[in-house]
Amino acid sequence: MTYWNGGWAWMTLMPLLWIALIGLVVWAVVRLTQHSAGRHDATDPRKTPRERPEEILDRRFASGEIDADTYSEARKRLAAHRPGPGDRG
């Protein structure tokens, strides 16, 4: 009779524990598959695409951080150091 005196609580709680465990496993699998699929998350700076040097230069010129002469000179330097279509590395 000991089983029936305290056992009803376990019989009630065990399905809830299994549901919680299965839910945790499903949540973990979903999180891992989303992460490995490379989903873009704007809050994670590691996942944001890197700006090209020309885009940074254009943004700085547009915001007024640099003047036209500095912009032109920087554009020329970037063009001179940009690898050509046949260059690798």
N, C-alpha and C. Protein backbone atom coordinates (compact mmCIF):
# COMPACT_ATOMS: atom_id res chain seq x y z
N MET A 1 0.80 -1.21 0.00
CA MET A 1 0.00 0.00 0.00
C MET A 1 0.85 1.28 0.00
N THR A 2 2.12 1.18 0.23
CA THR A 2 2.97 2.35 0.23
C THR A 2 2.95 3.04 -1.14
N TYR A 3 2.89 2.23 -2.19
CA TYR A 3 2.87 2.80 -3.53
C TYR A 3 1.68 3.73 -3.72
N TRP A 4 0.53 3.34 -3.25
CA TRP A 4 -0.66 4.15 -3.46
C TRP A 4 -0.71 5.35 -2.55
N ASN A 5 -0.03 5.29 -1.40
CA ASN A 5 -0.05 6.44 -0.50
C ASN A 5 0.78 7.61 -1.04
N GLY A 6 1.96 7.33 -1.60
CA GLY A 6 2.80 8.41 -2.12
C GLY A 6 3.01 8.30 -3.61
N GLY A 7 2.59 7.21 -4.21
CA GLY A 7 2.83 6.96 -5.61
C GLY A 7 1.97 7.75 -6.56
N TRP A 8 0.83 8.21 -6.13
CA TRP A 8 -0.04 8.96 -7.04
C TRP A 8 0.60 10.26 -7.48
N ALA A 9 1.44 10.83 -6.61
CA ALA A 9 2.12 12.07 -6.98
C ALA A 9 3.09 11.82 -8.13
N TRP A 10 3.83 10.71 -8.06
CA TRP A 10 4.76 10.39 -9.16
C TRP A 10 4.01 10.05 -10.43
N MET A 11 2.89 9.39 -10.31
CA MET A 11 2.10 9.05 -11.49
C MET A 11 1.56 10.31 -12.16
N THR A 12 1.34 11.35 -11.38
CA THR A 12 0.85 12.62 -11.93
C THR A 12 2.00 13.45 -12.50
N LEU A 13 3.15 13.44 -11.82
CA LEU A 13 4.26 14.28 -12.23
C LEU A 13 5.10 13.70 -13.36
N MET A 14 5.19 12.39 -13.48
CA MET A 14 6.05 11.79 -14.51
C MET A 14 5.66 12.21 -15.92
N PRO A 15 4.39 12.22 -16.31
CA PRO A 15 4.08 12.71 -17.66
C PRO A 15 4.48 14.17 -17.87
N LEU A 16 4.35 14.98 -16.85
CA LEU A 16 4.76 16.38 -16.97
C LEU A 16 6.27 16.50 -17.13
N LEU A 17 7.02 15.68 -16.42
CA LEU A 17 8.48 15.69 -16.57
C LEU A 17 8.89 15.22 -17.97
N TRP A 18 8.23 14.20 -18.49
CA TRP A 18 8.53 13.74 -19.85
C TRP A 18 8.20 14.81 -20.88
N ILE A 19 7.09 15.49 -20.71
CA ILE A 19 6.71 16.56 -21.64
C ILE A 19 7.74 17.68 -21.60
N ALA A 20 8.19 18.04 -20.40
CA ALA A 20 9.20 19.09 -20.27
C ALA A 20 10.51 18.65 -20.92
N LEU A 21 10.92 17.41 -20.71
CA LEU A 21 12.16 16.91 -21.29
C LEU A 21 12.07 16.88 -22.82
N ILE A 22 10.99 16.40 -23.36
CA ILE A 22 10.82 16.37 -24.82
C ILE A 22 10.79 17.79 -25.38
N GLY A 23 10.11 18.69 -24.69
CA GLY A 23 10.08 20.09 -25.13
C GLY A 23 11.46 20.71 -25.14
N LEU A 24 12.27 20.42 -24.14
CA LEU A 24 13.63 20.94 -24.08
C LEU A 24 14.48 20.40 -25.23
N VAL A 25 14.34 19.13 -25.54
CA VAL A 25 15.08 18.54 -26.65
C VAL A 25 14.65 19.17 -27.97
N VAL A 26 13.36 19.34 -28.19
CA VAL A 26 12.87 19.95 -29.42
C VAL A 26 13.38 21.38 -29.54
N TRP A 27 13.33 22.14 -28.45
CA TRP A 27 13.83 23.52 -28.46
C TRP A 27 15.31 23.55 -28.82
N ALA A 28 16.11 22.65 -28.22
CA ALA A 28 17.55 22.62 -28.49
C ALA A 28 17.82 22.28 -29.95
N VAL A 29 17.09 21.33 -30.50
CA VAL A 29 17.29 20.95 -31.90
C VAL A 29 16.94 22.11 -32.82
N VAL A 30 15.86 22.80 -32.55
CA VAL A 30 15.47 23.94 -33.38
C VAL A 30 16.52 25.03 -33.31
N ARG A 31 17.00 25.34 -32.13
CA ARG A 31 18.03 26.38 -31.98
C ARG A 31 19.31 26.01 -32.71
N LEU A 32 19.72 24.76 -32.60
CA LEU A 32 20.95 24.34 -33.25
C LEU A 32 20.82 24.32 -34.76
N THR A 33 19.68 23.92 -35.28
CA THR A 33 19.51 23.91 -36.73
C THR A 33 19.40 25.32 -37.29
N GLN A 34 18.79 26.24 -36.56
CA GLN A 34 18.73 27.62 -37.01
C GLN A 34 20.13 28.23 -37.02
N HIS A 35 20.93 27.93 -36.01
CA HIS A 35 22.28 28.47 -35.92
C HIS A 35 23.16 27.92 -37.04
N SER A 36 23.07 26.63 -37.31
CA SER A 36 23.92 26.03 -38.33
C SER A 36 23.48 26.40 -39.74
N ALA A 37 22.22 26.77 -39.91
CA ALA A 37 21.74 27.17 -41.23
C ALA A 37 22.21 28.56 -41.61
N GLY A 38 22.82 29.29 -40.67
CA GLY A 38 23.36 30.60 -40.96
C GLY A 38 22.32 31.68 -41.06
N ARG A 39 21.28 31.58 -40.27
CA ARG A 39 20.24 32.61 -40.30
C ARG A 39 20.83 33.93 -39.87
N HIS A 40 20.39 34.99 -40.51
CA HIS A 40 20.90 36.33 -40.22
C HIS A 40 20.17 36.90 -39.02
N ASP A 41 20.94 37.29 -38.04
CA ASP A 41 20.39 37.90 -36.83
C ASP A 41 21.04 39.26 -36.67
N ALA A 42 20.26 40.33 -36.78
CA ALA A 42 20.81 41.68 -36.74
C ALA A 42 21.39 42.03 -35.38
N THR A 43 21.02 41.31 -34.33
CA THR A 43 21.54 41.63 -33.01
C THR A 43 22.90 41.02 -32.76
N ASP A 44 23.34 40.10 -33.59
CA ASP A 44 24.62 39.44 -33.41
C ASP A 44 25.62 40.03 -34.40
N PRO A 45 26.62 40.81 -33.91
CA PRO A 45 27.55 41.46 -34.84
C PRO A 45 28.41 40.48 -35.60
N ARG A 46 28.59 39.26 -35.10
CA ARG A 46 29.38 38.27 -35.82
C ARG A 46 28.67 37.80 -37.07
N LYS A 47 27.36 37.94 -37.14
CA LYS A 47 26.59 37.45 -38.28
C LYS A 47 26.30 38.52 -39.31
N THR A 48 26.57 39.77 -39.01
CA THR A 48 26.28 40.82 -39.96
C THR A 48 27.33 40.80 -41.06
N PRO A 49 26.94 41.05 -42.30
CA PRO A 49 27.92 41.04 -43.39
C PRO A 49 28.88 42.21 -43.24
N ARG A 50 30.12 41.97 -43.59
CA ARG A 50 31.14 43.03 -43.48
C ARG A 50 30.97 44.04 -44.61
N GLU A 51 31.21 45.29 -44.27
CA GLU A 51 31.18 46.34 -45.28
C GLU A 51 32.46 46.31 -46.08
N ARG A 52 32.34 46.54 -47.37
CA ARG A 52 33.53 46.68 -48.21
C ARG A 52 34.15 48.04 -47.91
N PRO A 53 35.46 48.19 -48.17
CA PRO A 53 36.12 49.48 -47.91
C PRO A 53 35.46 50.63 -48.66
N GLU A 54 35.01 50.37 -49.87
CA GLU A 54 34.35 51.43 -50.65
C GLU A 54 33.05 51.87 -49.99
N GLU A 55 32.32 50.94 -49.43
CA GLU A 55 31.06 51.27 -48.75
C GLU A 55 31.32 52.10 -47.50
N ILE A 56 32.37 51.77 -46.77
CA ILE A 56 32.73 52.55 -45.58
C ILE A 56 33.11 53.96 -45.99
N LEU A 57 33.92 54.05 -47.05
CA LEU A 57 34.34 55.36 -47.54
C LEU A 57 33.14 56.19 -48.00
N ASP A 58 32.24 55.57 -48.75
CA ASP A 58 31.04 56.28 -49.21
C ASP A 58 30.20 56.77 -48.03
N ARG A 59 30.05 55.92 -47.04
CA ARG A 59 29.24 56.30 -45.86
C ARG A 59 29.89 57.46 -45.11
N ARG A 60 31.20 57.41 -44.95
CA ARG A 60 31.89 58.50 -44.23
C ARG A 60 31.81 59.82 -45.01
N PHE A 61 31.90 59.73 -46.34
CA PHE A 61 31.79 60.94 -47.15
C PHE A 61 30.37 61.50 -47.09
N ALA A 62 29.39 60.61 -47.16
CA ALA A 62 27.99 61.05 -47.11
C ALA A 62 27.63 61.67 -45.77
N SER A 63 28.25 61.20 -44.70
CA SER A 63 27.92 61.75 -43.38
C SER A 63 28.72 63.01 -43.06
N GLY A 64 29.69 63.35 -43.93
CA GLY A 64 30.46 64.57 -43.72
C GLY A 64 31.69 64.38 -42.86
N GLU A 65 32.08 63.15 -42.59
CA GLU A 65 33.29 62.89 -41.79
C GLU A 65 34.55 63.25 -42.56
N ILE A 66 34.51 63.10 -43.88
CA ILE A 66 35.68 63.43 -44.70
C ILE A 66 35.25 64.36 -45.82
N ASP A 67 36.22 65.14 -46.33
CA ASP A 67 35.90 66.09 -47.40
C ASP A 67 36.12 65.43 -48.77
N ALA A 68 35.81 66.17 -49.83
CA ALA A 68 35.86 65.63 -51.19
C ALA A 68 37.27 65.24 -51.61
N ASP A 69 38.27 66.04 -51.22
CA ASP A 69 39.65 65.72 -51.59
C ASP A 69 40.11 64.41 -50.93
N THR A 70 39.81 64.26 -49.67
CA THR A 70 40.18 63.04 -48.96
C THR A 70 39.45 61.84 -49.55
N TYR A 71 38.18 62.03 -49.90
CA TYR A 71 37.39 60.97 -50.51
C TYR A 71 38.00 60.53 -51.84
N SER A 72 38.34 61.49 -52.69
CA SER A 72 38.92 61.18 -54.00
C SER A 72 40.25 60.45 -53.85
N GLU A 73 41.08 60.93 -52.96
CA GLU A 73 42.39 60.30 -52.75
C GLU A 73 42.24 58.87 -52.22
N ALA A 74 41.34 58.69 -51.31
CA ALA A 74 41.12 57.35 -50.75
C ALA A 74 40.56 56.42 -51.82
N ARG A 75 39.67 56.92 -52.67
CA ARG A 75 39.12 56.10 -53.75
C ARG A 75 40.23 55.65 -54.71
N LYS A 76 41.15 56.57 -55.03
CA LYS A 76 42.27 56.23 -55.92
C LYS A 76 43.14 55.16 -55.28
N ARG A 77 43.42 55.30 -53.99
CA ARG A 77 44.26 54.31 -53.29
C ARG A 77 43.58 52.95 -53.25
N LEU A 78 42.30 52.95 -52.99
CA LEU A 78 41.58 51.68 -52.95
C LEU A 78 41.59 51.00 -54.32
N ALA A 79 41.39 51.79 -55.39
CA ALA A 79 41.40 51.23 -56.74
C ALA A 79 42.78 50.68 -57.09
N ALA A 80 43.84 51.34 -56.65
CA ALA A 80 45.19 50.89 -56.95
C ALA A 80 45.52 49.58 -56.24
N HIS A 81 44.95 49.36 -55.07
CA HIS A 81 45.25 48.16 -54.27
C HIS A 81 44.25 47.04 -54.47
N ARG A 82 43.23 47.28 -55.26
CA ARG A 82 42.21 46.25 -55.49
C ARG A 82 42.78 45.21 -56.44
N PRO A 83 42.72 43.93 -56.08
CA PRO A 83 43.26 42.89 -56.98
C PRO A 83 42.43 42.82 -58.26
N GLY A 84 43.11 42.55 -59.35
CA GLY A 84 42.43 42.42 -60.63
C GLY A 84 41.72 41.09 -60.76
N PRO A 85 40.98 40.87 -61.85
CA PRO A 85 40.22 39.64 -62.02
C PRO A 85 41.11 38.39 -62.09
N GLY A 86 42.35 38.54 -62.61
CA GLY A 86 43.25 37.39 -62.72
C GLY A 86 44.06 37.13 -61.46
N ASP A 87 44.09 38.09 -60.53
CA ASP A 87 44.88 37.94 -59.30
C ASP A 87 44.15 37.08 -58.30
N ARG A 88 44.90 36.27 -57.60
CA ARG A 88 44.31 35.47 -56.53
C ARG A 88 45.05 35.75 -55.24
N GLY A 89 44.31 35.69 -54.13
CA GLY A 89 44.98 35.81 -52.85
C GLY A 89 44.64 37.03 -52.20
